[in-house]
Amino acid sequence: MVTTTESDPVQYEIFPQRMLDPSSAQEILNRLEQMEGITRVLVQGPRLPLTVPYGPGKGVPVDHPDREVIQVGDQVMELQVKVGRIRLESEYDVMEDIRALCEELFPFPFELKEGLFLRRKATVTDYAKYGPDETVEDKSIYGMTDPNMSPSSKVCASCADTRE
């Protein structure tokens, strides 16, 4: 086991060899959400922009078929990335349950690793969004922030922007 103490959560990374379509992503996320002990889940992959970010078509709306609204548990959210890997944290070892789930859902190869994938301490982006460590009640939000966010709309009130 990779954890440092018995009370530390266990982290896993599911890395399928193919990008997941929205229905597959919704299915695995719902099944992971039902699994006992899982506390955090983070999906990663290339962004699905609303508009063309650069080039001659900059600003033109993008109607990507994979930018869908999915439901995970009782939460409805818009999928803003093409799911390429899933990182999760559990209170205890559930690696074999996750492996069985992936083998059932994926008709293609995947990698399942145990390690440290989610932040446990505040990053600079977390500090800018949530403020000093002493003011953050729920430390499980660390590492769940998009570092490419617009700083003008997300910077905490106590953090002054000195750029001109």
Protein backbone atom coordinates (compact mmCIF):
# COMPACT_ATOMS: atom_id res chain seq x y z
CA MET A 1 0.00 0.00 0.00
CA VAL A 2 1.30 3.46 -0.89
CA THR A 3 -0.28 5.38 2.01
CA THR A 4 1.90 6.76 4.81
CA THR A 5 -0.36 6.01 7.78
CA GLU A 6 -3.37 3.79 8.37
CA SER A 7 -5.70 6.81 8.53
CA ASP A 8 -4.61 8.25 5.16
CA PRO A 9 -7.02 7.68 2.27
CA VAL A 10 -6.03 5.43 -0.62
CA GLN A 11 -5.88 6.98 -4.10
CA TYR A 12 -6.34 5.30 -7.47
CA GLU A 13 -6.07 6.24 -11.11
CA ILE A 14 -8.13 4.59 -13.85
CA PHE A 15 -6.48 5.21 -17.21
CA PRO A 16 -8.44 3.67 -20.11
CA GLN A 17 -6.62 3.32 -23.43
CA ARG A 18 -9.50 5.16 -25.12
CA MET A 19 -11.34 8.35 -24.31
CA LEU A 20 -14.74 7.70 -22.76
CA ASP A 21 -17.91 8.91 -24.42
CA PRO A 22 -20.42 10.73 -22.17
CA SER A 23 -22.64 7.68 -21.60
CA SER A 24 -19.66 5.50 -20.58
CA ALA A 25 -18.32 8.25 -18.33
CA GLN A 26 -21.74 8.65 -16.70
CA GLU A 27 -22.05 4.89 -16.17
CA ILE A 28 -18.66 4.45 -14.50
CA LEU A 29 -19.04 7.60 -12.39
CA ASN A 30 -22.46 6.46 -11.16
CA ARG A 31 -21.11 3.01 -10.31
CA LEU A 32 -18.11 4.54 -8.48
CA GLU A 33 -20.45 6.87 -6.60
CA GLN A 34 -22.41 3.85 -5.32
CA MET A 35 -19.23 2.11 -4.16
CA GLU A 36 -18.69 2.19 -0.39
CA GLY A 37 -15.78 4.29 0.89
CA ILE A 38 -15.05 6.48 -2.15
CA THR A 39 -14.80 10.12 -1.04
CA ARG A 40 -13.47 12.10 -4.05
CA VAL A 41 -13.52 11.59 -7.82
CA LEU A 42 -11.76 13.76 -10.40
CA VAL A 43 -12.06 13.33 -14.17
CA GLN A 44 -9.32 14.57 -16.49
CA GLY A 45 -8.99 14.95 -20.21
CA PRO A 46 -8.83 17.47 -23.02
CA ARG A 47 -11.17 20.43 -22.64
CA LEU A 48 -14.29 20.67 -24.78
CA PRO A 49 -14.46 24.44 -25.39
CA LEU A 50 -17.69 26.38 -25.95
CA THR A 51 -15.98 28.58 -28.56
CA VAL A 52 -12.93 28.21 -30.81
CA PRO A 53 -10.04 29.42 -28.58
CA TYR A 54 -7.61 30.58 -31.31
CA GLY A 55 -7.00 30.75 -35.03
CA PRO A 56 -9.12 32.22 -37.83
CA GLY A 57 -12.36 30.98 -36.27
CA LYS A 58 -11.64 32.41 -32.81
CA GLY A 59 -14.87 33.03 -30.90
CA VAL A 60 -17.07 30.89 -33.16
CA PRO A 61 -19.33 28.55 -31.12
CA VAL A 62 -18.28 24.88 -31.03
CA ASP A 63 -21.09 22.33 -31.03
CA HIS A 64 -19.12 19.30 -29.81
CA PRO A 65 -21.26 16.14 -29.56
CA ASP A 66 -19.45 15.01 -26.38
CA ARG A 67 -20.28 18.18 -24.43
CA GLU A 68 -23.38 16.71 -22.82
CA VAL A 69 -25.23 17.08 -19.55
CA ILE A 70 -24.75 13.96 -17.41
CA GLN A 71 -26.20 12.91 -14.09
CA VAL A 72 -23.98 11.39 -11.41
CA GLY A 73 -26.02 10.36 -8.40
CA ASP A 74 -28.33 13.29 -7.70
CA GLN A 75 -26.00 15.86 -9.32
CA VAL A 76 -26.57 17.09 -12.87
CA MET A 77 -23.52 18.60 -14.58
CA GLU A 78 -22.25 19.52 -18.00
CA LEU A 79 -19.30 17.43 -19.12
CA GLN A 80 -16.60 19.98 -20.00
CA VAL A 81 -13.81 17.49 -20.79
CA LYS A 82 -13.44 14.37 -22.87
CA VAL A 83 -12.83 11.85 -20.07
CA GLY A 84 -9.36 10.36 -20.43
CA ARG A 85 -8.54 9.35 -16.87
CA ILE A 86 -10.36 9.12 -13.57
CA ARG A 87 -8.65 9.74 -10.26
CA LEU A 88 -10.35 8.83 -7.02
CA GLU A 89 -9.80 8.62 -3.30
CA SER A 90 -11.18 6.00 -0.94
CA GLU A 91 -11.20 5.56 2.83
CA TYR A 92 -9.90 2.01 2.43
CA ASP A 93 -8.59 -0.43 -0.19
CA VAL A 94 -11.16 -1.01 -2.96
CA MET A 95 -8.74 -1.76 -5.80
CA GLU A 96 -10.18 -5.18 -6.67
CA ASP A 97 -13.74 -3.79 -6.72
CA ILE A 98 -12.63 -1.01 -9.08
CA ARG A 99 -10.74 -3.50 -11.29
CA ALA A 100 -13.84 -5.72 -11.53
CA LEU A 101 -15.99 -2.70 -12.40
CA CYS A 102 -13.59 -1.56 -15.14
CA GLU A 103 -13.36 -5.06 -16.60
CA GLU A 104 -17.16 -5.20 -16.71
CA LEU A 105 -17.64 -1.77 -18.33
CA PHE A 106 -14.63 -1.37 -20.64
CA PRO A 107 -14.33 -3.58 -23.75
CA PHE A 108 -10.76 -2.24 -24.17
CA PRO A 109 -7.57 -2.32 -22.05
CA PHE A 110 -7.07 0.04 -19.11
CA GLU A 111 -4.50 0.71 -16.41
CA LEU A 112 -5.39 0.85 -12.72
CA LYS A 113 -2.75 2.29 -10.40
CA GLU A 114 -2.56 3.02 -6.70
CA GLY A 115 -0.55 6.07 -5.66
CA LEU A 116 -0.79 9.75 -4.78
CA PHE A 117 -2.77 11.51 -7.51
CA LEU A 118 -4.91 14.09 -5.69
CA ARG A 119 -3.44 16.98 -3.73
CA ARG A 120 -3.53 16.90 0.05
CA LYS A 121 -2.09 20.38 0.56
CA ALA A 122 -3.18 23.72 -0.91
CA THR A 123 -1.73 24.72 -4.27
CA VAL A 124 -1.26 28.34 -5.36
CA THR A 125 -4.53 28.07 -7.30
CA ASP A 126 -6.31 26.73 -4.21
CA TYR A 127 -4.93 29.63 -2.16
CA ALA A 128 -6.13 32.13 -4.77
CA LYS A 129 -9.59 30.59 -4.88
CA TYR A 130 -10.22 29.68 -1.22
CA GLY A 131 -7.81 31.84 0.77
CA PRO A 132 -5.32 30.93 3.52
CA ASP A 133 -5.22 27.35 4.82
CA GLU A 134 -6.60 28.37 8.22
CA THR A 135 -9.87 29.60 6.68
CA VAL A 136 -10.61 26.42 4.68
CA GLU A 137 -12.91 24.06 6.57
CA ASP A 138 -13.11 21.23 4.01
CA LYS A 139 -9.56 20.37 2.93
CA SER A 140 -10.81 17.70 0.49
CA ILE A 141 -11.38 20.46 -2.11
CA TYR A 142 -7.60 20.90 -2.53
CA GLY A 143 -6.39 19.97 -6.00
CA MET A 144 -9.91 20.02 -7.43
CA THR A 145 -9.54 23.54 -8.88
CA ASP A 146 -8.94 24.27 -12.56
CA PRO A 147 -5.58 26.08 -12.77
CA ASN A 148 -6.65 27.71 -16.07
CA MET A 149 -9.49 29.59 -14.43
CA SER A 150 -9.90 33.32 -14.88
CA PRO A 151 -8.22 34.91 -11.83
CA SER A 152 -10.39 38.05 -11.92
CA SER A 153 -13.56 36.12 -11.12
CA LYS A 154 -12.19 33.51 -8.71
CA VAL A 155 -9.58 35.23 -6.52
CA CYS A 156 -10.51 35.39 -2.84
CA ALA A 157 -11.43 38.76 -1.32
CA SER A 158 -8.37 38.88 0.95
CA CYS A 159 -5.92 38.25 -1.94
CA ALA A 160 -4.95 41.48 -3.71
CA ASP A 161 -3.92 41.43 -7.35
CA THR A 162 -0.86 43.69 -7.68
CA ARG A 163 -0.45 43.30 -11.44
CA GLU A 164 -1.03 46.32 -13.65
